Amino acid sequence: MKFSRTGELVLGVIGTVFTAISVILLAIAVSSGSAALDDPELMGQFEQDVITEMQNDPSLTAEDAEMASQFLSEGLGAISVFGWAAVVVLVISLIFNILALVFISKNRNPKLAGVFFILAGLFAFILSLTSILLYIAAIMSFVRKAPSASQGHHPDDLDYYEPNRPL
């Protein structure tokens, strides 16, 4: 009797697809955001608009407006760095997810696949839909065991119930 790991495979493939889509969309967003930050005309216009708005705010002093403008220009550069770091973390999650799928397919090593599913879930941001699916696949990998040959039903077993068997 062959033992199937279809549930783990399906959850792992769905997690892989979600992670790949996240990597692609985040990479596009970060690269276009970085390109916008590198455009001096666009950044100059943005900073000018922010400075104008801050100068029109009566609760801010000129020193506060200058400090906020400096923080804004430095903070936008940090967003790009954190965006690329998130892309790298998601790629690591994708690699762990693919490794888990390799080890769970054909029931090769389900315990190691469960560890890889957990690592992929951690790198896919702890409480995202993808990570929850991967945690479920990991639990299934750890808990489900293939039935042993001695667990087959014997014809004289009194606990065995077959409704169409003659008495």
Protein backbone atom coordinates (compact mmCIF):
# COMPACT_ATOMS: atom_id res chain seq x y z
CA MET A 1 0.00 0.00 0.00
CA LYS A 2 1.42 3.34 -1.04
CA PHE A 3 1.19 6.26 1.39
CA SER A 4 0.36 9.59 -0.20
CA ARG A 5 1.59 13.01 0.92
CA THR A 6 -0.76 14.92 -1.37
CA GLY A 7 -1.95 17.35 1.32
CA GLU A 8 1.58 18.46 2.18
CA LEU A 9 2.45 18.77 -1.51
CA VAL A 10 -0.60 20.89 -2.30
CA LEU A 11 -0.02 23.23 0.64
CA GLY A 12 3.67 23.48 -0.25
CA VAL A 13 2.96 24.28 -3.90
CA ILE A 14 0.41 26.94 -2.92
CA GLY A 15 2.98 28.43 -0.53
CA THR A 16 5.61 28.37 -3.27
CA VAL A 17 3.31 30.15 -5.72
CA PHE A 18 2.35 32.81 -3.16
CA THR A 19 5.98 33.39 -2.21
CA ALA A 20 7.08 33.63 -5.86
CA ILE A 21 4.31 36.15 -6.58
CA SER A 22 5.35 38.15 -3.49
CA VAL A 23 9.00 38.16 -4.60
CA ILE A 24 8.10 39.38 -8.08
CA LEU A 25 5.71 42.11 -6.93
CA LEU A 26 7.99 43.34 -4.16
CA ALA A 27 11.01 43.42 -6.48
CA ILE A 28 9.03 45.45 -9.04
CA ALA A 29 7.81 47.86 -6.35
CA VAL A 30 11.26 48.34 -4.82
CA SER A 31 13.02 48.76 -8.16
CA SER A 32 10.50 51.32 -9.40
CA GLY A 33 10.65 53.10 -6.03
CA SER A 34 14.45 53.16 -6.21
CA ALA A 35 14.27 54.56 -9.73
CA ALA A 36 11.93 57.30 -8.52
CA LEU A 37 14.31 58.12 -5.65
CA ASP A 38 17.22 58.40 -8.09
CA ASP A 39 15.37 60.91 -10.29
CA PRO A 40 16.66 64.33 -9.09
CA GLU A 41 13.82 66.29 -10.69
CA LEU A 42 11.12 64.18 -9.05
CA MET A 43 12.86 64.21 -5.66
CA GLY A 44 13.44 67.97 -5.86
CA GLN A 45 9.77 68.56 -6.58
CA PHE A 46 8.73 66.21 -3.77
CA GLU A 47 11.05 67.86 -1.23
CA GLN A 48 9.88 71.31 -2.32
CA ASP A 49 6.24 70.31 -1.84
CA VAL A 50 6.97 68.89 1.61
CA ILE A 51 8.92 71.99 2.65
CA THR A 52 6.11 74.25 1.41
CA GLU A 53 3.52 72.27 3.38
CA MET A 54 5.66 72.37 6.52
CA GLN A 55 6.26 76.11 6.23
CA ASN A 56 2.51 76.67 5.93
CA ASP A 57 1.93 74.69 9.14
CA PRO A 58 1.84 77.23 12.00
CA SER A 59 2.69 74.65 14.66
CA LEU A 60 6.15 73.91 13.14
CA THR A 61 9.14 76.19 13.49
CA ALA A 62 11.67 76.63 10.69
CA GLU A 63 14.14 74.39 12.53
CA ASP A 64 11.52 71.65 12.87
CA ALA A 65 10.68 71.88 9.17
CA GLU A 66 14.37 71.60 8.19
CA MET A 67 14.91 68.65 10.52
CA ALA A 68 11.80 66.88 9.15
CA SER A 69 12.95 67.49 5.58
CA GLN A 70 16.38 66.03 6.32
CA PHE A 71 14.82 63.02 8.06
CA LEU A 72 12.50 62.49 5.09
CA SER A 73 15.32 62.50 2.53
CA GLU A 74 17.38 60.02 4.59
CA GLY A 75 14.35 57.88 5.45
CA LEU A 76 13.35 57.37 1.83
CA GLY A 77 16.76 55.89 1.08
CA ALA A 78 16.38 53.48 4.00
CA ILE A 79 13.04 52.27 2.64
CA SER A 80 14.80 51.08 -0.50
CA VAL A 81 17.37 49.15 1.54
CA PHE A 82 14.67 47.50 3.67
CA GLY A 83 12.68 46.66 0.53
CA TRP A 84 15.61 44.81 -1.03
CA ALA A 85 16.27 43.05 2.29
CA ALA A 86 12.64 41.85 2.27
CA VAL A 87 13.11 40.54 -1.29
CA VAL A 88 16.21 38.58 -0.20
CA VAL A 89 14.36 37.12 2.81
CA LEU A 90 11.48 36.02 0.57
CA VAL A 91 13.92 34.39 -1.87
CA ILE A 92 15.43 32.44 1.05
CA SER A 93 11.89 31.37 2.01
CA LEU A 94 11.27 30.26 -1.58
CA ILE A 95 14.45 28.16 -1.55
CA PHE A 96 13.47 26.45 1.73
CA ASN A 97 9.98 25.85 0.34
CA ILE A 98 11.34 24.20 -2.82
CA LEU A 99 13.70 22.04 -0.75
CA ALA A 100 10.76 20.94 1.41
CA LEU A 101 8.78 20.00 -1.69
CA VAL A 102 11.70 17.93 -2.96
CA PHE A 103 11.99 16.04 0.32
CA ILE A 104 8.24 15.50 0.77
CA SER A 105 7.69 14.24 -2.78
CA LYS A 106 7.64 10.46 -2.99
CA ASN A 107 7.75 10.41 0.82
CA ARG A 108 11.57 10.68 0.88
CA ASN A 109 12.19 12.43 4.19
CA PRO A 110 9.04 13.99 5.68
CA LYS A 111 10.73 15.11 8.94
CA LEU A 112 13.36 17.13 7.08
CA ALA A 113 10.65 18.50 4.80
CA GLY A 114 8.73 19.61 7.89
CA VAL A 115 11.79 21.48 9.18
CA PHE A 116 12.18 23.17 5.79
CA PHE A 117 8.47 24.08 5.74
CA ILE A 118 8.86 25.74 9.16
CA LEU A 119 11.96 27.64 8.05
CA ALA A 120 10.20 28.75 4.87
CA GLY A 121 7.24 29.91 6.96
CA LEU A 122 9.50 31.91 9.27
CA PHE A 123 11.22 33.61 6.35
CA ALA A 124 7.87 34.26 4.61
CA PHE A 125 6.92 36.65 7.42
CA ILE A 126 5.58 35.02 10.52
CA LEU A 127 1.81 35.57 10.24
CA SER A 128 1.17 35.79 6.52
CA LEU A 129 -1.20 33.45 4.69
CA THR A 130 1.78 31.76 3.06
CA SER A 131 3.49 31.04 6.36
CA ILE A 132 0.29 29.66 7.89
CA LEU A 133 -0.08 27.23 4.97
CA LEU A 134 3.55 26.19 5.38
CA TYR A 135 3.11 25.65 9.13
CA ILE A 136 0.12 23.39 8.44
CA ALA A 137 2.18 21.42 5.89
CA ALA A 138 4.99 21.11 8.46
CA ILE A 139 2.63 19.81 11.13
CA MET A 140 1.21 17.29 8.67
CA SER A 141 4.75 16.21 7.76
CA PHE A 142 5.64 15.62 11.40
CA VAL A 143 2.41 13.98 12.55
CA ARG A 144 1.31 11.75 9.68
CA LYS A 145 2.99 8.38 9.62
CA ALA A 146 2.86 5.76 6.92
CA PRO A 147 0.86 2.72 7.97
CA SER A 148 3.04 -0.27 8.72
CA ALA A 149 2.45 -3.67 7.14
CA SER A 150 1.33 -5.10 10.50
CA GLN A 151 -1.56 -2.64 10.64
CA GLY A 152 -3.47 -4.43 7.89
CA HIS A 153 -6.80 -5.97 8.82
CA HIS A 154 -6.91 -9.67 9.39
CA PRO A 155 -10.08 -11.49 8.26
CA ASP A 156 -10.67 -12.86 11.78
CA ASP A 157 -10.22 -9.47 13.46
CA LEU A 158 -13.33 -8.75 15.54
CA ASP A 159 -12.76 -4.99 15.42
CA TYR A 160 -12.82 -5.03 11.65
CA TYR A 161 -16.17 -3.93 10.30
CA GLU A 162 -17.29 -4.65 6.79
CA PRO A 163 -21.02 -4.16 6.26
CA ASN A 164 -21.30 -6.47 3.23
CA ARG A 165 -19.46 -9.40 4.77
CA PRO A 166 -21.64 -12.45 5.45
CA LEU A 167 -21.93 -13.60 9.03
